[in-house]
Amino acid sequence: HTNLVQQHLFGWLDYTLLVVMLVATSLIG
């Protein structure tokens, strides 16, 4: 169960893409 949960958590790439998307949309606005 712990291994399955760990597979579905955000990694560094996910956090990077999330931050880039939020910054880009904020800058456009």
PDB file of all heavy atoms in Angstrom:
ATOM      1  N   HIS A   1       0.834  -1.201   0.000  1.00  0.00           N
ATOM      2  CA  HIS A   1       0.000   0.000   0.000  1.00  0.00           C
ATOM      3  C   HIS A   1       0.870   1.254   0.000  1.00  0.00           C
ATOM      4  O   HIS A   1       0.613   2.207  -0.735  1.00  0.00           O
ATOM      5  CB  HIS A   1      -0.937   0.001   1.206  1.00  0.00           C
ATOM      6  CG  HIS A   1      -1.846   1.183   1.241  1.00  0.00           C
ATOM      7  ND1 HIS A   1      -1.551   2.307   1.963  1.00  0.00           N
ATOM      8  CD2 HIS A   1      -3.027   1.430   0.618  1.00  0.00           C
ATOM      9  CE1 HIS A   1      -2.502   3.194   1.793  1.00  0.00           C
ATOM     10  NE2 HIS A   1      -3.425   2.688   0.991  1.00  0.00           N
ATOM     11  N   THR A   2       1.927   1.266   0.810  1.00  0.00           N
ATOM     12  CA  THR A   2       2.840   2.408   0.865  1.00  0.00           C
ATOM     13  C   THR A   2       3.514   2.615  -0.487  1.00  0.00           C
ATOM     14  O   THR A   2       3.648   3.747  -0.957  1.00  0.00           O
ATOM     15  CB  THR A   2       3.902   2.192   1.958  1.00  0.00           C
ATOM     16  OG1 THR A   2       3.231   1.989   3.206  1.00  0.00           O
ATOM     17  CG2 THR A   2       4.835   3.379   2.064  1.00  0.00           C
ATOM     18  N   ASN A   3       3.928   1.547  -1.142  1.00  0.00           N
ATOM     19  CA  ASN A   3       4.556   1.659  -2.463  1.00  0.00           C
ATOM     20  C   ASN A   3       3.585   2.219  -3.496  1.00  0.00           C
ATOM     21  O   ASN A   3       3.965   3.046  -4.325  1.00  0.00           O
ATOM     22  CB  ASN A   3       5.091   0.307  -2.935  1.00  0.00           C
ATOM     23  CG  ASN A   3       6.296  -0.138  -2.132  1.00  0.00           C
ATOM     24  OD1 ASN A   3       6.961   0.677  -1.499  1.00  0.00           O
ATOM     25  ND2 ASN A   3       6.576  -1.439  -2.156  1.00  0.00           N
ATOM     26  N   LEU A   4       2.322   1.764  -3.466  1.00  0.00           N
ATOM     27  CA  LEU A   4       1.322   2.278  -4.396  1.00  0.00           C
ATOM     28  C   LEU A   4       1.073   3.766  -4.166  1.00  0.00           C
ATOM     29  O   LEU A   4       0.969   4.546  -5.110  1.00  0.00           O
ATOM     30  CB  LEU A   4       0.012   1.503  -4.263  1.00  0.00           C
ATOM     31  CG  LEU A   4      -0.035   0.141  -4.920  1.00  0.00           C
ATOM     32  CD1 LEU A   4      -1.335  -0.572  -4.561  1.00  0.00           C
ATOM     33  CD2 LEU A   4       0.096   0.263  -6.422  1.00  0.00           C
ATOM     34  N   VAL A   5       0.987   4.169  -2.907  1.00  0.00           N
ATOM     35  CA  VAL A   5       0.762   5.575  -2.587  1.00  0.00           C
ATOM     36  C   VAL A   5       1.940   6.411  -3.060  1.00  0.00           C
ATOM     37  O   VAL A   5       1.773   7.484  -3.641  1.00  0.00           O
ATOM     38  CB  VAL A   5       0.501   5.770  -1.074  1.00  0.00           C
ATOM     39  CG1 VAL A   5       0.547   7.240  -0.701  1.00  0.00           C
ATOM     40  CG2 VAL A   5      -0.823   5.156  -0.682  1.00  0.00           C
ATOM     41  N   GLN A   6       3.158   5.937  -2.830  1.00  0.00           N
ATOM     42  CA  GLN A   6       4.347   6.672  -3.249  1.00  0.00           C
ATOM     43  C   GLN A   6       4.383   6.853  -4.766  1.00  0.00           C
ATOM     44  O   GLN A   6       4.856   7.877  -5.255  1.00  0.00           O
ATOM     45  CB  GLN A   6       5.625   5.948  -2.784  1.00  0.00           C
ATOM     46  CG  GLN A   6       5.859   6.011  -1.296  1.00  0.00           C
ATOM     47  CD  GLN A   6       6.079   7.432  -0.799  1.00  0.00           C
ATOM     48  OE1 GLN A   6       6.481   8.312  -1.534  1.00  0.00           O
ATOM     49  NE2 GLN A   6       5.787   7.651   0.475  1.00  0.00           N
ATOM     50  N   GLN A   7       3.900   5.882  -5.531  1.00  0.00           N
ATOM     51  CA  GLN A   7       3.892   5.985  -6.992  1.00  0.00           C
ATOM     52  C   GLN A   7       2.949   7.072  -7.471  1.00  0.00           C
ATOM     53  O   GLN A   7       3.128   7.613  -8.552  1.00  0.00           O
ATOM     54  CB  GLN A   7       3.495   4.651  -7.619  1.00  0.00           C
ATOM     55  CG  GLN A   7       4.530   3.573  -7.468  1.00  0.00           C
ATOM     56  CD  GLN A   7       4.019   2.240  -7.995  1.00  0.00           C
ATOM     57  OE1 GLN A   7       2.865   2.111  -8.405  1.00  0.00           O
ATOM     58  NE2 GLN A   7       4.872   1.242  -7.972  1.00  0.00           N
ATOM     59  N   HIS A   8       1.922   7.415  -6.695  1.00  0.00           N
ATOM     60  CA  HIS A   8       0.918   8.383  -7.118  1.00  0.00           C
ATOM     61  C   HIS A   8       1.094   9.764  -6.477  1.00  0.00           C
ATOM     62  O   HIS A   8       0.197  10.583  -6.537  1.00  0.00           O
ATOM     63  CB  HIS A   8      -0.486   7.849  -6.826  1.00  0.00           C
ATOM     64  CG  HIS A   8      -0.817   6.631  -7.610  1.00  0.00           C
ATOM     65  ND1 HIS A   8      -0.965   6.635  -8.971  1.00  0.00           N
ATOM     66  CD2 HIS A   8      -0.995   5.347  -7.234  1.00  0.00           C
ATOM     67  CE1 HIS A   8      -1.229   5.428  -9.403  1.00  0.00           C
ATOM     68  NE2 HIS A   8      -1.253   4.617  -8.362  1.00  0.00           N
ATOM     69  N   LEU A   9       2.246  10.017  -5.876  1.00  0.00           N
ATOM     70  CA  LEU A   9       2.515  11.328  -5.311  1.00  0.00           C
ATOM     71  C   LEU A   9       3.327  12.158  -6.298  1.00  0.00           C
ATOM     72  O   LEU A   9       3.994  11.630  -7.178  1.00  0.00           O
ATOM     73  CB  LEU A   9       3.286  11.200  -3.992  1.00  0.00           C
ATOM     74  CG  LEU A   9       2.519  10.576  -2.834  1.00  0.00           C
ATOM     75  CD1 LEU A   9       3.398  10.469  -1.606  1.00  0.00           C
ATOM     76  CD2 LEU A   9       1.261  11.367  -2.504  1.00  0.00           C
ATOM     77  N   PHE A  10       3.273  13.483  -6.146  1.00  0.00           N
ATOM     78  CA  PHE A  10       4.039  14.379  -7.006  1.00  0.00           C
ATOM     79  C   PHE A  10       5.535  14.175  -6.783  1.00  0.00           C
ATOM     80  O   PHE A  10       5.992  14.049  -5.652  1.00  0.00           O
ATOM     81  CB  PHE A  10       3.694  15.835  -6.692  1.00  0.00           C
ATOM     82  CG  PHE A  10       2.544  16.392  -7.481  1.00  0.00           C
ATOM     83  CD1 PHE A  10       1.667  15.574  -8.146  1.00  0.00           C
ATOM     84  CD2 PHE A  10       2.358  17.757  -7.542  1.00  0.00           C
ATOM     85  CE1 PHE A  10       0.611  16.100  -8.857  1.00  0.00           C
ATOM     86  CE2 PHE A  10       1.310  18.294  -8.254  1.00  0.00           C
ATOM     87  CZ  PHE A  10       0.428  17.461  -8.919  1.00  0.00           C
ATOM     88  N   GLY A  11       6.268  14.220  -7.863  1.00  0.00           N
ATOM     89  CA  GLY A  11       7.725  14.219  -7.812  1.00  0.00           C
ATOM     90  C   GLY A  11       8.233  15.614  -8.147  1.00  0.00           C
ATOM     91  O   GLY A  11       7.457  16.554  -8.337  1.00  0.00           O
ATOM     92  N   TRP A  12       9.544  15.776  -8.264  1.00  0.00           N
ATOM     93  CA  TRP A  12      10.119  17.089  -8.534  1.00  0.00           C
ATOM     94  C   TRP A  12       9.659  17.639  -9.881  1.00  0.00           C
ATOM     95  O   TRP A  12       9.423  18.829 -10.014  1.00  0.00           O
ATOM     96  CB  TRP A  12      11.647  17.052  -8.438  1.00  0.00           C
ATOM     97  CG  TRP A  12      12.300  16.247  -9.535  1.00  0.00           C
ATOM     98  CD1 TRP A  12      12.608  14.922  -9.513  1.00  0.00           C
ATOM     99  CD2 TRP A  12      12.690  16.733 -10.816  1.00  0.00           C
ATOM    100  NE1 TRP A  12      13.157  14.545 -10.705  1.00  0.00           N
ATOM    101  CE2 TRP A  12      13.229  15.639 -11.529  1.00  0.00           C
ATOM    102  CE3 TRP A  12      12.630  17.969 -11.433  1.00  0.00           C
ATOM    103  CZ2 TRP A  12      13.702  15.761 -12.825  1.00  0.00           C
ATOM    104  CZ3 TRP A  12      13.118  18.081 -12.733  1.00  0.00           C
ATOM    105  CH2 TRP A  12      13.647  16.985 -13.405  1.00  0.00           C
ATOM    106  N   LEU A  13       9.513  16.760 -10.887  1.00  0.00           N
ATOM    107  CA  LEU A  13       9.074  17.218 -12.210  1.00  0.00           C
ATOM    108  C   LEU A  13       7.625  17.722 -12.159  1.00  0.00           C
ATOM    109  O   LEU A  13       7.297  18.744 -12.772  1.00  0.00           O
ATOM    110  CB  LEU A  13       9.220  16.094 -13.235  1.00  0.00           C
ATOM    111  CG  LEU A  13       8.848  16.431 -14.666  1.00  0.00           C
ATOM    112  CD1 LEU A  13       9.730  17.554 -15.202  1.00  0.00           C
ATOM    113  CD2 LEU A  13       8.960  15.205 -15.563  1.00  0.00           C
ATOM    114  N   ASP A  14       6.784  17.016 -11.423  1.00  0.00           N
ATOM    115  CA  ASP A  14       5.390  17.438 -11.285  1.00  0.00           C
ATOM    116  C   ASP A  14       5.292  18.815 -10.626  1.00  0.00           C
ATOM    117  O   ASP A  14       4.541  19.682 -11.089  1.00  0.00           O
ATOM    118  CB  ASP A  14       4.595  16.422 -10.464  1.00  0.00           C
ATOM    119  CG  ASP A  14       4.584  15.049 -11.094  1.00  0.00           C
ATOM    120  OD1 ASP A  14       4.260  14.964 -12.295  1.00  0.00           O
ATOM    121  OD2 ASP A  14       4.907  14.074 -10.392  1.00  0.00           O
ATOM    122  N   TYR A  15       6.047  19.001  -9.533  1.00  0.00           N
ATOM    123  CA  TYR A  15       6.042  20.299  -8.860  1.00  0.00           C
ATOM    124  C   TYR A  15       6.590  21.401  -9.757  1.00  0.00           C
ATOM    125  O   TYR A  15       6.069  22.516  -9.783  1.00  0.00           O
ATOM    126  CB  TYR A  15       6.849  20.242  -7.556  1.00  0.00           C
ATOM    127  CG  TYR A  15       6.108  19.585  -6.422  1.00  0.00           C
ATOM    128  CD1 TYR A  15       6.530  18.358  -5.912  1.00  0.00           C
ATOM    129  CD2 TYR A  15       4.992  20.192  -5.855  1.00  0.00           C
ATOM    130  CE1 TYR A  15       5.854  17.753  -4.868  1.00  0.00           C
ATOM    131  CE2 TYR A  15       4.319  19.590  -4.815  1.00  0.00           C
ATOM    132  CZ  TYR A  15       4.747  18.379  -4.325  1.00  0.00           C
ATOM    133  OH  TYR A  15       4.069  17.782  -3.293  1.00  0.00           O
ATOM    134  N   THR A  16       7.632  21.089 -10.524  1.00  0.00           N
ATOM    135  CA  THR A  16       8.216  22.079 -11.435  1.00  0.00           C
ATOM    136  C   THR A  16       7.192  22.502 -12.479  1.00  0.00           C
ATOM    137  O   THR A  16       7.012  23.702 -12.734  1.00  0.00           O
ATOM    138  CB  THR A  16       9.472  21.503 -12.119  1.00  0.00           C
ATOM    139  OG1 THR A  16      10.395  21.096 -11.110  1.00  0.00           O
ATOM    140  CG2 THR A  16      10.121  22.521 -13.033  1.00  0.00           C
ATOM    141  N   LEU A  17       6.527  21.534 -13.100  1.00  0.00           N
ATOM    142  CA  LEU A  17       5.520  21.860 -14.114  1.00  0.00           C
ATOM    143  C   LEU A  17       4.349  22.634 -13.521  1.00  0.00           C
ATOM    144  O   LEU A  17       3.828  23.558 -14.151  1.00  0.00           O
ATOM    145  CB  LEU A  17       5.034  20.590 -14.807  1.00  0.00           C
ATOM    146  CG  LEU A  17       6.061  19.893 -15.697  1.00  0.00           C
ATOM    147  CD1 LEU A  17       5.510  18.571 -16.210  1.00  0.00           C
ATOM    148  CD2 LEU A  17       6.459  20.787 -16.848  1.00  0.00           C
ATOM    149  N   LEU A  18       3.936  22.283 -12.312  1.00  0.00           N
ATOM    150  CA  LEU A  18       2.843  22.997 -11.654  1.00  0.00           C
ATOM    151  C   LEU A  18       3.233  24.459 -11.415  1.00  0.00           C
ATOM    152  O   LEU A  18       2.456  25.374 -11.716  1.00  0.00           O
ATOM    153  CB  LEU A  18       2.483  22.315 -10.333  1.00  0.00           C
ATOM    154  CG  LEU A  18       1.377  22.978  -9.520  1.00  0.00           C
ATOM    155  CD1 LEU A  18       0.042  22.917 -10.255  1.00  0.00           C
ATOM    156  CD2 LEU A  18       1.262  22.331  -8.146  1.00  0.00           C
ATOM    157  N   VAL A  19       4.434  24.690 -10.912  1.00  0.00           N
ATOM    158  CA  VAL A  19       4.883  26.054 -10.645  1.00  0.00           C
ATOM    159  C   VAL A  19       5.027  26.839 -11.947  1.00  0.00           C
ATOM    160  O   VAL A  19       4.602  28.000 -12.035  1.00  0.00           O
ATOM    161  CB  VAL A  19       6.210  26.048  -9.844  1.00  0.00           C
ATOM    162  CG1 VAL A  19       6.849  27.423  -9.806  1.00  0.00           C
ATOM    163  CG2 VAL A  19       5.964  25.537  -8.436  1.00  0.00           C
ATOM    164  N   VAL A  20       5.606  26.219 -12.992  1.00  0.00           N
ATOM    165  CA  VAL A  20       5.754  26.896 -14.286  1.00  0.00           C
ATOM    166  C   VAL A  20       4.395  27.283 -14.846  1.00  0.00           C
ATOM    167  O   VAL A  20       4.197  28.399 -15.330  1.00  0.00           O
ATOM    168  CB  VAL A  20       6.537  26.007 -15.287  1.00  0.00           C
ATOM    169  CG1 VAL A  20       6.423  26.527 -16.709  1.00  0.00           C
ATOM    170  CG2 VAL A  20       7.995  25.914 -14.874  1.00  0.00           C
ATOM    171  N   MET A  21       3.413  26.373 -14.765  1.00  0.00           N
ATOM    172  CA  MET A  21       2.065  26.668 -15.260  1.00  0.00           C
ATOM    173  C   MET A  21       1.416  27.805 -14.480  1.00  0.00           C
ATOM    174  O   MET A  21       0.823  28.716 -15.057  1.00  0.00           O
ATOM    175  CB  MET A  21       1.200  25.403 -15.180  1.00  0.00           C
ATOM    176  CG  MET A  21      -0.179  25.529 -15.780  1.00  0.00           C
ATOM    177  SD  MET A  21      -1.531  25.990 -14.659  1.00  0.00           S
ATOM    178  CE  MET A  21      -1.326  24.952 -13.273  1.00  0.00           C
ATOM    179  N   LEU A  22       1.554  27.797 -13.162  1.00  0.00           N
ATOM    180  CA  LEU A  22       0.963  28.857 -12.342  1.00  0.00           C
ATOM    181  C   LEU A  22       1.622  30.202 -12.608  1.00  0.00           C
ATOM    182  O   LEU A  22       0.943  31.225 -12.706  1.00  0.00           O
ATOM    183  CB  LEU A  22       1.048  28.487 -10.860  1.00  0.00           C
ATOM    184  CG  LEU A  22       0.162  27.337 -10.401  1.00  0.00           C
ATOM    185  CD1 LEU A  22       0.456  26.979  -8.946  1.00  0.00           C
ATOM    186  CD2 LEU A  22      -1.300  27.660 -10.584  1.00  0.00           C
ATOM    187  N   VAL A  23       2.950  30.215 -12.742  1.00  0.00           N
ATOM    188  CA  VAL A  23       3.659  31.464 -13.022  1.00  0.00           C
ATOM    189  C   VAL A  23       3.287  31.984 -14.403  1.00  0.00           C
ATOM    190  O   VAL A  23       3.019  33.181 -14.577  1.00  0.00           O
ATOM    191  CB  VAL A  23       5.191  31.267 -12.885  1.00  0.00           C
ATOM    192  CG1 VAL A  23       5.955  32.441 -13.455  1.00  0.00           C
ATOM    193  CG2 VAL A  23       5.557  31.041 -11.429  1.00  0.00           C
ATOM    194  N   ALA A  24       3.242  31.095 -15.403  1.00  0.00           N
ATOM    195  CA  ALA A  24       2.905  31.518 -16.774  1.00  0.00           C
ATOM    196  C   ALA A  24       1.501  32.101 -16.845  1.00  0.00           C
ATOM    197  O   ALA A  24       1.299  33.171 -17.432  1.00  0.00           O
ATOM    198  CB  ALA A  24       3.051  30.343 -17.738  1.00  0.00           C
ATOM    199  N   THR A  25       0.531  31.440 -16.243  1.00  0.00           N
ATOM    200  CA  THR A  25      -0.836  31.961 -16.298  1.00  0.00           C
ATOM    201  C   THR A  25      -0.963  33.263 -15.510  1.00  0.00           C
ATOM    202  O   THR A  25      -1.701  34.157 -15.912  1.00  0.00           O
ATOM    203  CB  THR A  25      -1.867  30.930 -15.793  1.00  0.00           C
ATOM    204  OG1 THR A  25      -1.495  30.491 -14.485  1.00  0.00           O
ATOM    205  CG2 THR A  25      -1.954  29.735 -16.715  1.00  0.00           C
ATOM    206  N   SER A  26      -0.228  33.374 -14.408  1.00  0.00           N
ATOM    207  CA  SER A  26      -0.243  34.636 -13.653  1.00  0.00           C
ATOM    208  C   SER A  26       0.366  35.772 -14.464  1.00  0.00           C
ATOM    209  O   SER A  26      -0.154  36.893 -14.461  1.00  0.00           O
ATOM    210  CB  SER A  26       0.519  34.472 -12.336  1.00  0.00           C
ATOM    211  OG  SER A  26      -0.113  33.518 -11.524  1.00  0.00           O
ATOM    212  N   LEU A  27       1.465  35.508 -15.156  1.00  0.00           N
ATOM    213  CA  LEU A  27       2.096  36.537 -15.979  1.00  0.00           C
ATOM    214  C   LEU A  27       1.206  36.962 -17.142  1.00  0.00           C
ATOM    215  O   LEU A  27       1.135  38.148 -17.469  1.00  0.00           O
ATOM    216  CB  LEU A  27       3.456  36.052 -16.495  1.00  0.00           C
ATOM    217  CG  LEU A  27       4.554  35.928 -15.441  1.00  0.00           C
ATOM    218  CD1 LEU A  27       5.818  35.328 -16.041  1.00  0.00           C
ATOM    219  CD2 LEU A  27       4.844  37.270 -14.790  1.00  0.00           C
ATOM    220  N   ILE A  28       0.511  36.007 -17.754  1.00  0.00           N
ATOM    221  CA  ILE A  28      -0.419  36.343 -18.839  1.00  0.00           C
ATOM    222  C   ILE A  28      -1.537  37.241 -18.311  1.00  0.00           C
ATOM    223  O   ILE A  28      -1.865  38.267 -18.912  1.00  0.00           O
ATOM    224  CB  ILE A  28      -0.991  35.065 -19.489  1.00  0.00           C
ATOM    225  CG1 ILE A  28       0.097  34.342 -20.268  1.00  0.00           C
ATOM    226  CG2 ILE A  28      -2.175  35.399 -20.405  1.00  0.00           C
ATOM    227  CD1 ILE A  28      -0.291  32.945 -20.710  1.00  0.00           C
ATOM    228  N   GLY A  29      -2.117  36.878 -17.180  1.00  0.00           N
ATOM    229  CA  GLY A  29      -3.164  37.696 -16.579  1.00  0.00           C
ATOM    230  C   GLY A  29      -2.669  39.071 -16.187  1.00  0.00           C
ATOM    231  O   GLY A  29      -3.346  40.082 -16.403  1.00  0.00           O
TER     232      GLY A  29
END
